[in-house]
C-alpha atoms as a PDB file:
ATOM      1  CA  MET A   1      77.101   5.735  -7.320  1.00  0.00           C
ATOM      2  CA  ASN A   2      73.134   5.175  -7.860  1.00  0.00           C
ATOM      3  CA  HIS A   3      71.863   1.948  -6.092  1.00  0.00           C
ATOM      4  CA  LYS A   4      70.132   1.112  -9.293  1.00  0.00           C
ATOM      5  CA  VAL A   5      72.921   1.059 -11.862  1.00  0.00           C
ATOM      6  CA  PHE A   6      74.854  -0.814  -8.965  1.00  0.00           C
ATOM      7  CA  LYS A   7      72.339  -3.649  -8.871  1.00  0.00           C
ATOM      8  CA  PHE A   8      72.323  -3.548 -13.174  1.00  0.00           C
ATOM      9  CA  LEU A   9      76.081  -3.703 -13.498  1.00  0.00           C
ATOM     10  CA  LEU A  10      76.071  -6.850 -10.631  1.00  0.00           C
ATOM     11  CA  THR A  11      73.151  -8.719 -12.214  1.00  0.00           C
ATOM     12  CA  TRP A  12      75.158  -8.666 -15.730  1.00  0.00           C
ATOM     13  CA  TYR A  13      78.545  -9.287 -14.232  1.00  0.00           C
ATOM     14  CA  PRO A  14      79.751 -12.263 -16.275  1.00  0.00           C
ATOM     15  CA  PRO A  15      80.382 -14.464 -13.469  1.00  0.00           C
ATOM     16  CA  TYR A  16      77.215 -14.223 -11.975  1.00  0.00           C
ATOM     17  CA  LEU A  17      75.610 -14.879 -15.043  1.00  0.00           C
ATOM     18  CA  GLY A  18      77.403 -18.020 -15.348  1.00  0.00           C
ATOM     19  CA  THR A  19      76.614 -19.056 -12.097  1.00  0.00           C
ATOM     20  CA  GLY A  20      72.962 -17.911 -11.904  1.00  0.00           C
ATOM     21  CA  ILE A  21      73.279 -15.788  -9.300  1.00  0.00           C
ATOM     22  CA  PHE A  22      70.893 -12.733  -8.986  1.00  0.00           C
ATOM     23  CA  VAL A  23      70.739  -9.772  -7.373  1.00  0.00           C
ATOM     24  CA  LYS A  24      67.424  -9.135  -6.142  1.00  0.00           C
ATOM     25  CA  HIS A  25      67.602  -6.156  -4.122  1.00  0.00           C
ATOM     26  CA  ILE A  26      69.325  -2.818  -3.346  1.00  0.00           C
ATOM     27  CA  SER A  27      68.390  -0.435  -1.159  1.00  0.00           C
ATOM     28  CA  GLU A  28      69.398   3.202  -1.796  1.00  0.00           C
ATOM     29  CA  ASP A  29      71.426   3.671   0.873  1.00  0.00           C
ATOM     30  CA  PHE A  30      73.102   0.503   0.290  1.00  0.00           C
ATOM     31  CA  ARG A  31      72.541  -0.934   4.132  1.00  0.00           C
ATOM     32  CA  HIS A  32      70.316  -4.083   2.577  1.00  0.00           C
ATOM     33  CA  VAL A  33      71.204  -6.547  -0.375  1.00  0.00           C
ATOM     34  CA  GLN A  34      69.741  -9.575  -1.283  1.00  0.00           C
ATOM     35  CA  VAL A  35      70.726 -12.156  -3.525  1.00  0.00           C
ATOM     36  CA  GLU A  36      69.280 -15.438  -4.894  1.00  0.00           C
ATOM     37  CA  MET A  37      70.350 -18.339  -6.860  1.00  0.00           C
ATOM     38  CA  ARG A  38      68.326 -20.761  -8.599  1.00  0.00           C
ATOM     39  CA  MET A  39      69.265 -24.390  -8.908  1.00  0.00           C
ATOM     40  CA  ARG A  40      70.310 -24.854 -12.706  1.00  0.00           C
ATOM     41  CA  PHE A  41      72.046 -27.881 -14.062  1.00  0.00           C
ATOM     42  CA  TYR A  42      75.101 -25.794 -14.032  1.00  0.00           C
ATOM     43  CA  ASN A  43      75.267 -25.100 -10.339  1.00  0.00           C
ATOM     44  CA  ARG A  44      74.339 -28.401  -9.137  1.00  0.00           C
ATOM     45  CA  ASN A  45      76.983 -30.860  -7.675  1.00  0.00           C
ATOM     46  CA  TYR A  46      77.373 -34.616  -8.174  1.00  0.00           C
ATOM     47  CA  MET A  47      74.717 -35.086  -5.203  1.00  0.00           C
ATOM     48  CA  GLY A  48      72.323 -32.976  -6.664  1.00  0.00           C
ATOM     49  CA  THR A  49      72.438 -29.991  -4.207  1.00  0.00           C
ATOM     50  CA  HIS A  50      73.672 -26.591  -4.829  1.00  0.00           C
ATOM     51  CA  PHE A  51      77.813 -26.424  -5.396  1.00  0.00           C
ATOM     52  CA  GLY A  52      79.107 -25.330  -2.572  1.00  0.00           C
ATOM     53  CA  GLY A  53      81.775 -23.062  -4.727  1.00  0.00           C
ATOM     54  CA  SER A  54      78.542 -21.221  -6.188  1.00  0.00           C
ATOM     55  CA  LEU A  55      76.946 -20.782  -2.324  1.00  0.00           C
ATOM     56  CA  TYR A  56      80.317 -19.044  -1.425  1.00  0.00           C
ATOM     57  CA  ALA A  57      80.278 -17.009  -5.087  1.00  0.00           C
ATOM     58  CA  MET A  58      77.049 -15.303  -3.984  1.00  0.00           C
ATOM     59  CA  THR A  59      77.991 -14.305  -0.821  1.00  0.00           C
ATOM     60  CA  ASP A  60      81.362 -13.042  -1.904  1.00  0.00           C
ATOM     61  CA  PRO A  61      82.078  -9.370  -2.637  1.00  0.00           C
ATOM     62  CA  PHE A  62      78.594  -7.943  -0.978  1.00  0.00           C
ATOM     63  CA  TYR A  63      79.800  -6.900   2.281  1.00  0.00           C
ATOM     64  CA  ALA A  64      83.209  -5.012   1.195  1.00  0.00           C
ATOM     65  CA  LEU A  65      80.861  -3.502  -1.598  1.00  0.00           C
ATOM     66  CA  MET A  66      78.091  -2.414   0.335  1.00  0.00           C
ATOM     67  CA  ILE A  67      80.471  -0.860   3.116  1.00  0.00           C
ATOM     68  CA  ILE A  68      82.479   0.837   0.242  1.00  0.00           C
ATOM     69  CA  GLN A  69      79.097   2.678  -0.615  1.00  0.00           C
ATOM     70  CA  ILE A  70      78.337   3.560   2.732  1.00  0.00           C
ATOM     71  CA  LEU A  71      81.437   5.079   3.799  1.00  0.00           C
ATOM     72  CA  GLY A  72      82.981   6.782   0.415  1.00  0.00           C
ATOM     73  CA  PRO A  73      85.938   7.145  -0.847  1.00  0.00           C
ATOM     74  CA  ASP A  74      88.054   7.960   2.452  1.00  0.00           C
ATOM     75  CA  TYR A  75      88.146   3.954   3.335  1.00  0.00           C
ATOM     76  CA  VAL A  76      90.156   1.181   1.862  1.00  0.00           C
ATOM     77  CA  VAL A  77      87.951  -1.866   2.325  1.00  0.00           C
ATOM     78  CA  TRP A  78      88.914  -5.159   0.921  1.00  0.00           C
ATOM     79  CA  ASP A  79      87.858  -9.095   1.658  1.00  0.00           C
ATOM     80  CA  LYS A  80      90.236 -10.458   3.769  1.00  0.00           C
ATOM     81  CA  GLY A  81      89.382 -14.035   4.485  1.00  0.00           C
ATOM     82  CA  ALA A  82      86.234 -16.171   4.348  1.00  0.00           C
ATOM     83  CA  SER A  83      84.957 -19.590   5.349  1.00  0.00           C
ATOM     84  CA  ILE A  84      81.880 -21.316   4.612  1.00  0.00           C
ATOM     85  CA  GLU A  85      80.206 -23.905   6.924  1.00  0.00           C
ATOM     86  CA  PHE A  86      77.299 -26.311   5.254  1.00  0.00           C
ATOM     87  CA  VAL A  87      74.901 -26.721   7.704  1.00  0.00           C
ATOM     88  CA  SER A  88      72.173 -28.583   5.218  1.00  0.00           C
ATOM     89  CA  PRO A  89      71.860 -29.501   1.798  1.00  0.00           C
ATOM     90  CA  GLY A  90      70.698 -26.653  -0.702  1.00  0.00           C
ATOM     91  CA  LYS A  91      68.028 -27.556  -3.448  1.00  0.00           C
ATOM     92  CA  GLY A  92      65.827 -25.065  -5.177  1.00  0.00           C
ATOM     93  CA  LYS A  93      66.385 -21.315  -4.948  1.00  0.00           C
ATOM     94  CA  VAL A  94      68.560 -19.958  -2.263  1.00  0.00           C
ATOM     95  CA  THR A  95      68.768 -16.446  -0.734  1.00  0.00           C
ATOM     96  CA  ALA A  96      71.442 -14.421   1.253  1.00  0.00           C
ATOM     97  CA  ASP A  97      70.248 -11.415   2.946  1.00  0.00           C
ATOM     98  CA  PHE A  98      73.126  -8.983   3.889  1.00  0.00           C
ATOM     99  CA  ARG A  99      72.214  -5.834   6.115  1.00  0.00           C
ATOM    100  CA  VAL A 100      74.753  -3.491   7.643  1.00  0.00           C
ATOM    101  CA  THR A 101      73.365  -1.699  10.735  1.00  0.00           C
ATOM    102  CA  ASP A 102      74.129   1.682  12.033  1.00  0.00           C
ATOM    103  CA  GLU A 103      75.881   0.044  14.812  1.00  0.00           C
ATOM    104  CA  ILE A 104      78.065  -1.919  12.428  1.00  0.00           C
ATOM    105  CA  ILE A 105      79.484   1.492  11.002  1.00  0.00           C
ATOM    106  CA  ALA A 106      80.297   3.088  14.125  1.00  0.00           C
ATOM    107  CA  ASP A 107      82.007   0.343  14.788  1.00  0.00           C
ATOM    108  CA  ILE A 108      83.736   0.719  11.922  1.00  0.00           C
ATOM    109  CA  GLN A 109      84.190   4.013  12.548  1.00  0.00           C
ATOM    110  CA  SER A 110      85.125   3.940  16.010  1.00  0.00           C
ATOM    111  CA  HIS A 111      88.264   1.635  15.311  1.00  0.00           C
ATOM    112  CA  THR A 112      89.686   3.572  12.118  1.00  0.00           C
ATOM    113  CA  GLY A 113      89.233   7.016  13.463  1.00  0.00           C
ATOM    114  CA  ASN A 114      93.045   7.508  13.109  1.00  0.00           C
ATOM    115  CA  GLY A 115      93.744   5.205  10.008  1.00  0.00           C
ATOM    116  CA  GLU A 116      94.292   2.202  12.048  1.00  0.00           C
ATOM    117  CA  LYS A 117      93.540  -1.116  10.002  1.00  0.00           C
ATOM    118  CA  TYR A 118      90.337  -2.714  11.444  1.00  0.00           C
ATOM    119  CA  LEU A 119      89.272  -6.666  10.720  1.00  0.00           C
ATOM    120  CA  PRO A 120      85.665  -7.042  11.585  1.00  0.00           C
ATOM    121  CA  LYS A 121      84.045  -9.981  11.141  1.00  0.00           C
ATOM    122  CA  MET A 122      80.673 -10.239   9.075  1.00  0.00           C
ATOM    123  CA  THR A 123      78.350 -13.351   9.091  1.00  0.00           C
ATOM    124  CA  VAL A 124      75.564 -14.189   6.277  1.00  0.00           C
ATOM    125  CA  ASP A 125      73.290 -17.222   6.482  1.00  0.00           C
ATOM    126  CA  VAL A 126      72.161 -18.725   2.770  1.00  0.00           C
ATOM    127  CA  ARG A 127      68.353 -19.839   3.242  1.00  0.00           C
ATOM    128  CA  ASP A 128      66.352 -22.420   0.971  1.00  0.00           C
ATOM    129  CA  GLU A 129      62.850 -21.303  -0.096  1.00  0.00           C
ATOM    130  CA  THR A 130      61.628 -23.145   3.535  1.00  0.00           C
ATOM    131  CA  ASP A 131      63.700 -21.049   5.196  1.00  0.00           C
ATOM    132  CA  ARG A 132      66.258 -23.608   6.221  1.00  0.00           C
ATOM    133  CA  LEU A 133      69.499 -22.642   6.951  1.00  0.00           C
ATOM    134  CA  VAL A 134      71.932 -23.977   4.077  1.00  0.00           C
ATOM    135  CA  ALA A 135      75.172 -22.014   4.887  1.00  0.00           C
ATOM    136  CA  LYS A 136      76.703 -19.976   7.142  1.00  0.00           C
ATOM    137  CA  ILE A 137      79.397 -17.967   5.571  1.00  0.00           C
ATOM    138  CA  HIS A 138      82.228 -15.801   7.218  1.00  0.00           C
ATOM    139  CA  LYS A 139      83.446 -13.080   6.019  1.00  0.00           C
ATOM    140  CA  THR A 140      86.852 -10.987   7.519  1.00  0.00           C
ATOM    141  CA  LEU A 141      86.979  -7.426   6.275  1.00  0.00           C
ATOM    142  CA  TYR A 142      89.968  -5.232   5.865  1.00  0.00           C
ATOM    143  CA  ILE A 143      89.040  -1.463   6.742  1.00  0.00           C
ATOM    144  CA  ARG A 144      91.157   1.651   7.149  1.00  0.00           C
ATOM    145  CA  LYS A 145      90.614   4.985   6.750  1.00  0.00           C
ATOM    146  CA  LYS A 146      93.109   6.923   4.267  1.00  0.00           C
ATOM    147  CA  VAL A 147      95.343   9.138   6.073  1.00  0.00           C
ATOM    148  CA  ASN A 148      96.226  10.867   3.069  1.00  0.00           C
ATOM    149  CA  THR A 149      92.836  11.067   1.317  1.00  0.00           C
ATOM    150  CA  GLY A 150      92.814  10.179  -2.773  1.00  0.00           C
ATOM    151  CA  LYS A 151      96.426   8.296  -1.907  1.00  0.00           C
ATOM    152  CA  ILE A 152      97.016   4.666  -1.408  1.00  0.00           C
ATOM    153  CA  SER A 153     100.740   3.310  -0.934  1.00  0.00           C
ATOM    154  CA  GLY A 154     102.158   6.335  -2.040  1.00  0.00           C
ATOM    155  CA  LYS A 155     100.176   6.211  -5.301  1.00  0.00           C
ATOM    156  CA  ALA A 156      97.128   8.198  -6.728  1.00  0.00           C
ATOM    157  CA  TYR A 157      94.026   5.993  -6.303  1.00  0.00           C
ATOM    158  CA  LYS A 158      92.252   4.992  -8.889  1.00  0.00           C
ATOM    159  CA  PRO A 159      88.807   3.274  -9.068  1.00  0.00           C
ATOM    160  CA  PRO A 160      88.682  -0.158 -10.618  1.00  0.00           C
ATOM    161  CA  LEU A 161      87.205   0.046 -13.834  1.00  0.00           C
ATOM    162  CA  MET A 162      83.674  -1.627 -13.020  1.00  0.00           C
ATOM    163  CA  ILE A 163      83.551   1.244 -10.757  1.00  0.00           C
ATOM    164  CA  ARG A 164      84.458   3.910 -12.926  1.00  0.00           C
ATOM    165  CA  ILE A 165      81.962   2.899 -15.685  1.00  0.00           C
ATOM    166  CA  ALA A 166      79.108   2.890 -13.212  1.00  0.00           C
ATOM    167  CA  GLU A 167      80.200   6.170 -11.996  1.00  0.00           C
ATOM    168  CA  SER A 168      79.450   7.387 -15.902  1.00  0.00           C
ATOM    169  CA  ILE A 169      76.567   5.285 -16.640  1.00  0.00           C
ATOM    170  CA  SER A 170      75.246   7.317 -13.158  1.00  0.00           C
ATOM    171  CA  SER A 171      75.949  10.383 -14.227  1.00  0.00           C
ATOM    172  CA  VAL A 172      74.121   9.940 -17.638  1.00  0.00           C
ATOM    173  CA  VAL A 173      70.730   8.525 -15.836  1.00  0.00           C
ATOM    174  CA  LYS A 174      70.940  11.537 -13.825  1.00  0.00           C
ATOM    175  CA  ARG A 175      70.672  14.136 -16.617  1.00  0.00           C
ATOM    176  CA  PHE A 176      67.291  12.315 -17.732  1.00  0.00           C
END
């Protein structure tokens, strides 16, 4: 999928619109994503800081989505678990930078080469405008190379609707 179409779809994804989450950057190779969220009345908690659920939401799917795009359709990638560690009150604009390195991809491929599941742990920091750490989000992914390419649990694999729409838009964009 084209990174620009991917960014457009995520930017207009209703849960992100509703919380003020904005996808600022997606690299062409999907190895770097930057997400930000500005303080608004609808994402502020009782104490006047960012609502913890919004801080988590801004980090929720990105590592899984990035790795899906990097590894391609021969892999199953899911979010398996997560935890959030609140470090300091978040006010103003907060940012999360996601990076997937060659070492991470090599590690995943070495652990999943024969179809085994792998549960890598990924961490992303949420920082404020002064670069102060606001929260650390720890993600556990489920990754497995498909043994029967195109099949999951004996059923034909059908990508989620959002991905099918994005692929359609991407093919139209390529024609122009």
